[in-house]
Amino acid sequence: MQQKARVISTVDESLPKRPQQGLPRGSTDDSTWWVKIVTQTPDCTYFFGPFESAGEAQHHESGYVEDLEQEGAQGIAVHILQDQPETLTIYDE
């Protein structure tokens, strides 16, 4: 049986809007950095951010990993990347 991904939250619902200075109205800023954490148990992908630099994202990653470990997550992989995720948490059922 194939598992389906379930979206837990979307970026639009979960993040406050930050003004994008210097960009035309309606455009997106692809220069933001995110911490992407993938766990094997539970089978989830989490995005934390946005951050203005890779260094800022990396500075915060250990806190996110620690929180997930305290919740019992296992098989944790962390990636720092420039992205514009559509969802913040994806849980495979």
PDB file of N, CA and C in Angstrom:
ATOM      1  N   MET A   1       0.845  -1.175   0.000  1.00  0.00           N
ATOM      2  CA  MET A   1       0.000   0.000   0.000  1.00  0.00           C
ATOM      3  C   MET A   1       0.890   1.237   0.000  1.00  0.00           C
ATOM      4  N   GLN A   2       0.627   2.154  -0.905  1.00  0.00           N
ATOM      5  CA  GLN A   2       1.424   3.366  -1.021  1.00  0.00           C
ATOM      6  C   GLN A   2       0.981   4.387   0.021  1.00  0.00           C
ATOM      7  N   GLN A   3       1.972   4.999   0.684  1.00  0.00           N
ATOM      8  CA  GLN A   3       1.663   6.000   1.685  1.00  0.00           C
ATOM      9  C   GLN A   3       1.488   7.357   1.026  1.00  0.00           C
ATOM     10  N   LYS A   4       0.612   8.157   1.599  1.00  0.00           N
ATOM     11  CA  LYS A   4       0.368   9.488   1.077  1.00  0.00           C
ATOM     12  C   LYS A   4       0.982  10.516   2.013  1.00  0.00           C
ATOM     13  N   ALA A   5       1.514  11.579   1.435  1.00  0.00           N
ATOM     14  CA  ALA A   5       2.056  12.669   2.241  1.00  0.00           C
ATOM     15  C   ALA A   5       0.902  13.537   2.707  1.00  0.00           C
ATOM     16  N   ARG A   6       0.948  13.911   3.960  1.00  0.00           N
ATOM     17  CA  ARG A   6      -0.077  14.785   4.521  1.00  0.00           C
ATOM     18  C   ARG A   6       0.588  16.098   4.913  1.00  0.00           C
ATOM     19  N   VAL A   7       0.057  17.191   4.448  1.00  0.00           N
ATOM     20  CA  VAL A   7       0.600  18.505   4.765  1.00  0.00           C
ATOM     21  C   VAL A   7       0.077  18.925   6.131  1.00  0.00           C
ATOM     22  N   ILE A   8       0.999  19.236   7.047  1.00  0.00           N
ATOM     23  CA  ILE A   8       0.617  19.651   8.392  1.00  0.00           C
ATOM     24  C   ILE A   8       0.357  21.158   8.435  1.00  0.00           C
ATOM     25  N   SER A   9       1.218  21.938   7.816  1.00  0.00           N
ATOM     26  CA  SER A   9       1.026  23.388   7.794  1.00  0.00           C
ATOM     27  C   SER A   9       1.661  23.950   6.534  1.00  0.00           C
ATOM     28  N   THR A  10       1.178  25.086   6.129  1.00  0.00           N
ATOM     29  CA  THR A  10       1.748  25.731   4.964  1.00  0.00           C
ATOM     30  C   THR A  10       2.484  26.980   5.388  1.00  0.00           C
ATOM     31  N   VAL A  11       3.394  27.428   4.550  1.00  0.00           N
ATOM     32  CA  VAL A  11       4.157  28.628   4.854  1.00  0.00           C
ATOM     33  C   VAL A  11       3.219  29.810   5.063  1.00  0.00           C
ATOM     34  N   ASP A  12       2.227  29.964   4.197  1.00  0.00           N
ATOM     35  CA  ASP A  12       1.321  31.101   4.294  1.00  0.00           C
ATOM     36  C   ASP A  12       0.565  31.129   5.614  1.00  0.00           C
ATOM     37  N   GLU A  13       0.227  29.971   6.168  1.00  0.00           N
ATOM     38  CA  GLU A  13      -0.519  29.918   7.418  1.00  0.00           C
ATOM     39  C   GLU A  13       0.370  30.117   8.627  1.00  0.00           C
ATOM     40  N   SER A  14       1.640  29.727   8.550  1.00  0.00           N
ATOM     41  CA  SER A  14       2.461  29.630   9.733  1.00  0.00           C
ATOM     42  C   SER A  14       3.453  30.764   9.940  1.00  0.00           C
ATOM     43  N   LEU A  15       3.840  31.459   8.899  1.00  0.00           N
ATOM     44  CA  LEU A  15       4.871  32.465   9.048  1.00  0.00           C
ATOM     45  C   LEU A  15       4.307  33.864   8.916  1.00  0.00           C
ATOM     46  N   PRO A  16       4.782  34.771   9.775  1.00  0.00           N
ATOM     47  CA  PRO A  16       4.376  36.159   9.581  1.00  0.00           C
ATOM     48  C   PRO A  16       4.990  36.694   8.303  1.00  0.00           C
ATOM     49  N   LYS A  17       4.304  37.577   7.657  1.00  0.00           N
ATOM     50  CA  LYS A  17       4.803  38.170   6.419  1.00  0.00           C
ATOM     51  C   LYS A  17       5.857  39.213   6.759  1.00  0.00           C
ATOM     52  N   ARG A  18       7.016  39.117   6.093  1.00  0.00           N
ATOM     53  CA  ARG A  18       8.056  40.113   6.252  1.00  0.00           C
ATOM     54  C   ARG A  18       8.041  41.000   5.022  1.00  0.00           C
ATOM     55  N   PRO A  19       8.178  42.315   5.204  1.00  0.00           N
ATOM     56  CA  PRO A  19       8.221  43.178   4.031  1.00  0.00           C
ATOM     57  C   PRO A  19       9.451  42.870   3.195  1.00  0.00           C
ATOM     58  N   GLN A  20       9.273  42.809   1.892  1.00  0.00           N
ATOM     59  CA  GLN A  20      10.375  42.527   0.987  1.00  0.00           C
ATOM     60  C   GLN A  20      10.822  43.842   0.378  1.00  0.00           C
ATOM     61  N   GLN A  21      11.774  44.473   1.029  1.00  0.00           N
ATOM     62  CA  GLN A  21      12.235  45.770   0.588  1.00  0.00           C
ATOM     63  C   GLN A  21      13.002  45.647  -0.715  1.00  0.00           C
ATOM     64  N   GLY A  22      12.753  46.574  -1.610  1.00  0.00           N
ATOM     65  CA  GLY A  22      13.481  46.621  -2.864  1.00  0.00           C
ATOM     66  C   GLY A  22      12.962  45.690  -3.939  1.00  0.00           C
ATOM     67  N   LEU A  23      11.933  44.925  -3.651  1.00  0.00           N
ATOM     68  CA  LEU A  23      11.372  44.014  -4.646  1.00  0.00           C
ATOM     69  C   LEU A  23      10.029  44.544  -5.117  1.00  0.00           C
ATOM     70  N   PRO A  24       9.746  44.388  -6.407  1.00  0.00           N
ATOM     71  CA  PRO A  24       8.436  44.813  -6.898  1.00  0.00           C
ATOM     72  C   PRO A  24       7.321  44.037  -6.214  1.00  0.00           C
ATOM     73  N   ARG A  25       6.180  44.663  -6.045  1.00  0.00           N
ATOM     74  CA  ARG A  25       5.022  44.007  -5.425  1.00  0.00           C
ATOM     75  C   ARG A  25       4.678  42.740  -6.210  1.00  0.00           C
ATOM     76  N   GLY A  26       4.473  41.634  -5.460  1.00  0.00           N
ATOM     77  CA  GLY A  26       4.106  40.377  -6.092  1.00  0.00           C
ATOM     78  C   GLY A  26       5.287  39.477  -6.413  1.00  0.00           C
ATOM     79  N   SER A  27       6.526  39.975  -6.296  1.00  0.00           N
ATOM     80  CA  SER A  27       7.670  39.118  -6.573  1.00  0.00           C
ATOM     81  C   SER A  27       8.092  38.407  -5.292  1.00  0.00           C
ATOM     82  N   THR A  28       8.869  37.346  -5.423  1.00  0.00           N
ATOM     83  CA  THR A  28       9.337  36.605  -4.260  1.00  0.00           C
ATOM     84  C   THR A  28      10.834  36.751  -4.134  1.00  0.00           C
ATOM     85  N   ASP A  29      11.316  36.650  -2.905  1.00  0.00           N
ATOM     86  CA  ASP A  29      12.738  36.745  -2.627  1.00  0.00           C
ATOM     87  C   ASP A  29      13.271  35.335  -2.435  1.00  0.00           C
ATOM     88  N   ASP A  30      14.018  34.831  -3.427  1.00  0.00           N
ATOM     89  CA  ASP A  30      14.538  33.472  -3.364  1.00  0.00           C
ATOM     90  C   ASP A  30      15.855  33.397  -2.600  1.00  0.00           C
ATOM     91  N   SER A  31      16.276  34.488  -1.969  1.00  0.00           N
ATOM     92  CA  SER A  31      17.563  34.480  -1.298  1.00  0.00           C
ATOM     93  C   SER A  31      17.464  34.105   0.172  1.00  0.00           C
ATOM     94  N   THR A  32      16.291  33.704   0.655  1.00  0.00           N
ATOM     95  CA  THR A  32      16.166  33.309   2.057  1.00  0.00           C
ATOM     96  C   THR A  32      16.692  31.896   2.252  1.00  0.00           C
ATOM     97  N   TRP A  33      17.194  31.661   3.438  1.00  0.00           N
ATOM     98  CA  TRP A  33      17.789  30.369   3.789  1.00  0.00           C
ATOM     99  C   TRP A  33      16.881  29.635   4.755  1.00  0.00           C
ATOM    100  N   TRP A  34      16.892  28.310   4.653  1.00  0.00           N
ATOM    101  CA  TRP A  34      16.032  27.456   5.461  1.00  0.00           C
ATOM    102  C   TRP A  34      16.831  26.286   6.030  1.00  0.00           C
ATOM    103  N   VAL A  35      16.409  25.814   7.191  1.00  0.00           N
ATOM    104  CA  VAL A  35      16.913  24.566   7.751  1.00  0.00           C
ATOM    105  C   VAL A  35      15.883  23.508   7.379  1.00  0.00           C
ATOM    106  N   LYS A  36      16.310  22.527   6.599  1.00  0.00           N
ATOM    107  CA  LYS A  36      15.438  21.409   6.223  1.00  0.00           C
ATOM    108  C   LYS A  36      15.894  20.204   7.036  1.00  0.00           C
ATOM    109  N   ILE A  37      14.974  19.633   7.797  1.00  0.00           N
ATOM    110  CA  ILE A  37      15.287  18.458   8.610  1.00  0.00           C
ATOM    111  C   ILE A  37      14.371  17.326   8.176  1.00  0.00           C
ATOM    112  N   VAL A  38      14.996  16.204   7.841  1.00  0.00           N
ATOM    113  CA  VAL A  38      14.257  15.004   7.443  1.00  0.00           C
ATOM    114  C   VAL A  38      14.490  13.957   8.524  1.00  0.00           C
ATOM    115  N   THR A  39      13.403  13.361   9.022  1.00  0.00           N
ATOM    116  CA  THR A  39      13.509  12.300  10.022  1.00  0.00           C
ATOM    117  C   THR A  39      12.957  11.004   9.453  1.00  0.00           C
ATOM    118  N   GLN A  40      13.584   9.900   9.856  1.00  0.00           N
ATOM    119  CA  GLN A  40      13.105   8.589   9.404  1.00  0.00           C
ATOM    120  C   GLN A  40      11.952   8.117  10.268  1.00  0.00           C
ATOM    121  N   THR A  41      12.031   8.389  11.586  1.00  0.00           N
ATOM    122  CA  THR A  41      10.961   8.013  12.500  1.00  0.00           C
ATOM    123  C   THR A  41      10.642   9.204  13.381  1.00  0.00           C
ATOM    124  N   PRO A  42       9.509   9.844  13.215  1.00  0.00           N
ATOM    125  CA  PRO A  42       8.508   9.592  12.186  1.00  0.00           C
ATOM    126  C   PRO A  42       9.030  10.021  10.821  1.00  0.00           C
ATOM    127  N   ASP A  43       8.405   9.573   9.775  1.00  0.00           N
ATOM    128  CA  ASP A  43       8.806   9.886   8.407  1.00  0.00           C
ATOM    129  C   ASP A  43       8.290  11.285   8.065  1.00  0.00           C
ATOM    130  N   CYS A  44       9.117  12.303   8.382  1.00  0.00           N
ATOM    131  CA  CYS A  44       8.695  13.696   8.229  1.00  0.00           C
ATOM    132  C   CYS A  44       9.787  14.544   7.606  1.00  0.00           C
ATOM    133  N   THR A  45       9.371  15.620   6.990  1.00  0.00           N
ATOM    134  CA  THR A  45      10.262  16.666   6.504  1.00  0.00           C
ATOM    135  C   THR A  45       9.787  17.972   7.110  1.00  0.00           C
ATOM    136  N   TYR A  46      10.720  18.694   7.746  1.00  0.00           N
ATOM    137  CA  TYR A  46      10.405  19.958   8.394  1.00  0.00           C
ATOM    138  C   TYR A  46      11.251  21.065   7.770  1.00  0.00           C
ATOM    139  N   PHE A  47      10.670  22.239   7.604  1.00  0.00           N
ATOM    140  CA  PHE A  47      11.407  23.422   7.177  1.00  0.00           C
ATOM    141  C   PHE A  47      11.306  24.468   8.278  1.00  0.00           C
ATOM    142  N   PHE A  48      12.457  25.018   8.678  1.00  0.00           N
ATOM    143  CA  PHE A  48      12.504  26.071   9.682  1.00  0.00           C
ATOM    144  C   PHE A  48      13.172  27.293   9.064  1.00  0.00           C
ATOM    145  N   GLY A  49      12.571  28.443   9.215  1.00  0.00           N
ATOM    146  CA  GLY A  49      13.125  29.662   8.660  1.00  0.00           C
ATOM    147  C   GLY A  49      12.015  30.654   8.451  1.00  0.00           C
ATOM    148  N   PRO A  50      12.204  31.640   7.632  1.00  0.00           N
ATOM    149  CA  PRO A  50      13.380  31.894   6.802  1.00  0.00           C
ATOM    150  C   PRO A  50      14.466  32.629   7.578  1.00  0.00           C
ATOM    151  N   PHE A  51      15.699  32.486   7.091  1.00  0.00           N
ATOM    152  CA  PHE A  51      16.857  33.165   7.645  1.00  0.00           C
ATOM    153  C   PHE A  51      17.518  33.983   6.549  1.00  0.00           C
ATOM    154  N   GLU A  52      18.219  35.016   6.940  1.00  0.00           N
ATOM    155  CA  GLU A  52      18.835  35.901   5.958  1.00  0.00           C
ATOM    156  C   GLU A  52      20.183  35.411   5.460  1.00  0.00           C
ATOM    157  N   SER A  53      20.772  34.422   6.155  1.00  0.00           N
ATOM    158  CA  SER A  53      22.061  33.888   5.714  1.00  0.00           C
ATOM    159  C   SER A  53      22.161  32.418   6.092  1.00  0.00           C
ATOM    160  N   ALA A  54      23.079  31.723   5.425  1.00  0.00           N
ATOM    161  CA  ALA A  54      23.322  30.314   5.757  1.00  0.00           C
ATOM    162  C   ALA A  54      23.871  30.196   7.171  1.00  0.00           C
ATOM    163  N   GLY A  55      24.705  31.149   7.556  1.00  0.00           N
ATOM    164  CA  GLY A  55      25.270  31.132   8.908  1.00  0.00           C
ATOM    165  C   GLY A  55      24.214  31.267   9.981  1.00  0.00           C
ATOM    166  N   GLU A  56      23.232  32.140   9.752  1.00  0.00           N
ATOM    167  CA  GLU A  56      22.146  32.302  10.711  1.00  0.00           C
ATOM    168  C   GLU A  56      21.328  31.015  10.819  1.00  0.00           C
ATOM    169  N   ALA A  57      21.038  30.389   9.675  1.00  0.00           N
ATOM    170  CA  ALA A  57      20.291  29.126   9.675  1.00  0.00           C
ATOM    171  C   ALA A  57      21.077  28.051  10.421  1.00  0.00           C
ATOM    172  N   GLN A  58      22.374  27.977  10.155  1.00  0.00           N
ATOM    173  CA  GLN A  58      23.213  26.965  10.802  1.00  0.00           C
ATOM    174  C   GLN A  58      23.286  27.195  12.308  1.00  0.00           C
ATOM    175  N   HIS A  59      23.297  28.450  12.720  1.00  0.00           N
ATOM    176  CA  HIS A  59      23.329  28.792  14.142  1.00  0.00           C
ATOM    177  C   HIS A  59      22.105  28.229  14.879  1.00  0.00           C
ATOM    178  N   HIS A  60      20.958  28.201  14.218  1.00  0.00           N
ATOM    179  CA  HIS A  60      19.710  27.766  14.845  1.00  0.00           C
ATOM    180  C   HIS A  60      19.431  26.269  14.702  1.00  0.00           C
ATOM    181  N   GLU A  61      20.123  25.573  13.810  1.00  0.00           N
ATOM    182  CA  GLU A  61      19.777  24.178  13.521  1.00  0.00           C
ATOM    183  C   GLU A  61      19.860  23.270  14.732  1.00  0.00           C
ATOM    184  N   SER A  62      20.840  23.453  15.613  1.00  0.00           N
ATOM    185  CA  SER A  62      21.000  22.541  16.745  1.00  0.00           C
ATOM    186  C   SER A  62      19.792  22.583  17.681  1.00  0.00           C
ATOM    187  N   GLY A  63      19.160  23.741  17.830  1.00  0.00           N
ATOM    188  CA  GLY A  63      17.969  23.832  18.671  1.00  0.00           C
ATOM    189  C   GLY A  63      16.808  23.046  18.097  1.00  0.00           C
ATOM    190  N   TYR A  64      16.654  23.099  16.783  1.00  0.00           N
ATOM    191  CA  TYR A  64      15.579  22.330  16.143  1.00  0.00           C
ATOM    192  C   TYR A  64      15.833  20.831  16.272  1.00  0.00           C
ATOM    193  N   VAL A  65      17.085  20.423  16.052  1.00  0.00           N
ATOM    194  CA  VAL A  65      17.435  19.002  16.170  1.00  0.00           C
ATOM    195  C   VAL A  65      17.203  18.525  17.601  1.00  0.00           C
ATOM    196  N   GLU A  66      17.617  19.325  18.563  1.00  0.00           N
ATOM    197  CA  GLU A  66      17.434  18.958  19.973  1.00  0.00           C
ATOM    198  C   GLU A  66      15.952  18.777  20.299  1.00  0.00           C
ATOM    199  N   ASP A  67      15.109  19.691  19.831  1.00  0.00           N
ATOM    200  CA  ASP A  67      13.666  19.570  20.070  1.00  0.00           C
ATOM    201  C   ASP A  67      13.107  18.282  19.471  1.00  0.00           C
ATOM    202  N   LEU A  68      13.514  17.964  18.243  1.00  0.00           N
ATOM    203  CA  LEU A  68      13.023  16.745  17.592  1.00  0.00           C
ATOM    204  C   LEU A  68      13.518  15.494  18.322  1.00  0.00           C
ATOM    205  N   GLU A  69      14.763  15.503  18.777  1.00  0.00           N
ATOM    206  CA  GLU A  69      15.289  14.362  19.532  1.00  0.00           C
ATOM    207  C   GLU A  69      14.517  14.170  20.834  1.00  0.00           C
ATOM    208  N   GLN A  70      14.174  15.259  21.507  1.00  0.00           N
ATOM    209  CA  GLN A  70      13.400  15.171  22.746  1.00  0.00           C
ATOM    210  C   GLN A  70      12.002  14.623  22.486  1.00  0.00           C
ATOM    211  N   GLU A  71      11.495  14.825  21.280  1.00  0.00           N
ATOM    212  CA  GLU A  71      10.179  14.291  20.916  1.00  0.00           C
ATOM    213  C   GLU A  71      10.271  12.850  20.422  1.00  0.00           C
ATOM    214  N   GLY A  72      11.498  12.289  20.376  1.00  0.00           N
ATOM    215  CA  GLY A  72      11.673  10.892  19.993  1.00  0.00           C
ATOM    216  C   GLY A  72      12.003  10.653  18.538  1.00  0.00           C
ATOM    217  N   ALA A  73      12.272  11.696  17.776  1.00  0.00           N
ATOM    218  CA  ALA A  73      12.596  11.518  16.356  1.00  0.00           C
ATOM    219  C   ALA A  73      13.925  10.780  16.214  1.00  0.00           C
ATOM    220  N   GLN A  74      14.027   9.958  15.168  1.00  0.00           N
ATOM    221  CA  GLN A  74      15.246   9.189  14.903  1.00  0.00           C
ATOM    222  C   GLN A  74      15.595   9.294  13.432  1.00  0.00           C
ATOM    223  N   GLY A  75      16.870   9.053  13.119  1.00  0.00           N
ATOM    224  CA  GLY A  75      17.324   9.114  11.731  1.00  0.00           C
ATOM    225  C   GLY A  75      17.246  10.524  11.186  1.00  0.00           C
ATOM    226  N   ILE A  76      17.839  11.467  11.902  1.00  0.00           N
ATOM    227  CA  ILE A  76      17.715  12.887  11.569  1.00  0.00           C
ATOM    228  C   ILE A  76      18.807  13.308  10.593  1.00  0.00           C
ATOM    229  N   ALA A  77      18.408  13.946   9.492  1.00  0.00           N
ATOM    230  CA  ALA A  77      19.341  14.520   8.508  1.00  0.00           C
ATOM    231  C   ALA A  77      19.016  16.005   8.376  1.00  0.00           C
ATOM    232  N   VAL A  78      20.063  16.847   8.405  1.00  0.00           N
ATOM    233  CA  VAL A  78      19.881  18.291   8.362  1.00  0.00           C
ATOM    234  C   VAL A  78      20.507  18.857   7.096  1.00  0.00           C
ATOM    235  N   HIS A  79      19.795  19.784   6.451  1.00  0.00           N
ATOM    236  CA  HIS A  79      20.294  20.458   5.253  1.00  0.00           C
ATOM    237  C   HIS A  79      20.031  21.949   5.414  1.00  0.00           C
ATOM    238  N   ILE A  80      21.029  22.764   5.064  1.00  0.00           N
ATOM    239  CA  ILE A  80      20.861  24.211   5.013  1.00  0.00           C
ATOM    240  C   ILE A  80      20.775  24.567   3.536  1.00  0.00           C
ATOM    241  N   LEU A  81      19.688  25.227   3.140  1.00  0.00           N
ATOM    242  CA  LEU A  81      19.529  25.502   1.717  1.00  0.00           C
ATOM    243  C   LEU A  81      18.749  26.773   1.464  1.00  0.00           C
ATOM    244  N   GLN A  82      18.959  27.312   0.272  1.00  0.00           N
ATOM    245  CA  GLN A  82      18.136  28.421  -0.192  1.00  0.00           C
ATOM    246  C   GLN A  82      16.934  27.807  -0.875  1.00  0.00           C
ATOM    247  N   ASP A  83      15.760  28.218  -0.443  1.00  0.00           N
ATOM    248  CA  ASP A  83      14.558  27.581  -0.944  1.00  0.00           C
ATOM    249  C   ASP A  83      13.376  28.501  -0.711  1.00  0.00           C
ATOM    250  N   GLN A  84      12.267  28.140  -1.253  1.00  0.00           N
ATOM    251  CA  GLN A  84      10.995  28.808  -1.011  1.00  0.00           C
ATOM    252  C   GLN A  84       9.970  27.695  -0.810  1.00  0.00           C
ATOM    253  N   PRO A  85      10.020  27.004   0.369  1.00  0.00           N
ATOM    254  CA  PRO A  85       9.127  25.854   0.562  1.00  0.00           C
ATOM    255  C   PRO A  85       7.663  26.262   0.558  1.00  0.00           C
ATOM    256  N   GLU A  86       6.846  25.381   0.012  1.00  0.00           N
ATOM    257  CA  GLU A  86       5.408  25.614  -0.015  1.00  0.00           C
ATOM    258  C   GLU A  86       4.752  25.134   1.270  1.00  0.00           C
ATOM    259  N   THR A  87       5.361  24.160   1.923  1.00  0.00           N
ATOM    260  CA  THR A  87       4.834  23.649   3.192  1.00  0.00           C
ATOM    261  C   THR A  87       5.967  23.590   4.200  1.00  0.00           C
ATOM    262  N   LEU A  88       5.632  23.699   5.469  1.00  0.00           N
ATOM    263  CA  LEU A  88       6.642  23.658   6.527  1.00  0.00           C
ATOM    264  C   LEU A  88       6.845  22.264   7.091  1.00  0.00           C
ATOM    265  N   THR A  89       5.801  21.461   7.101  1.00  0.00           N
ATOM    266  CA  THR A  89       5.898  20.112   7.651  1.00  0.00           C
ATOM    267  C   THR A  89       5.151  19.148   6.746  1.00  0.00           C
ATOM    268  N   ILE A  90       5.838  18.094   6.344  1.00  0.00           N
ATOM    269  CA  ILE A  90       5.228  17.048   5.514  1.00  0.00           C
ATOM    270  C   ILE A  90       5.389  15.742   6.277  1.00  0.00           C
ATOM    271  N   TYR A  91       4.280  15.086   6.542  1.00  0.00           N
ATOM    272  CA  TYR A  91       4.263  13.842   7.302  1.00  0.00           C
ATOM    273  C   TYR A  91       3.755  12.738   6.397  1.00  0.00           C
ATOM    274  N   ASP A  92       4.583  11.707   6.191  1.00  0.00           N
ATOM    275  CA  ASP A  92       4.164  10.565   5.388  1.00  0.00           C
ATOM    276  C   ASP A  92       3.463   9.561   6.275  1.00  0.00           C
ATOM    277  N   GLU A  93       2.209   9.269   5.933  1.00  0.00           N
ATOM    278  CA  GLU A  93       1.409   8.328   6.722  1.00  0.00           C
ATOM    279  C   GLU A  93       1.654   6.912   6.283  1.00  0.00           C
TER     280      GLU A  93
END
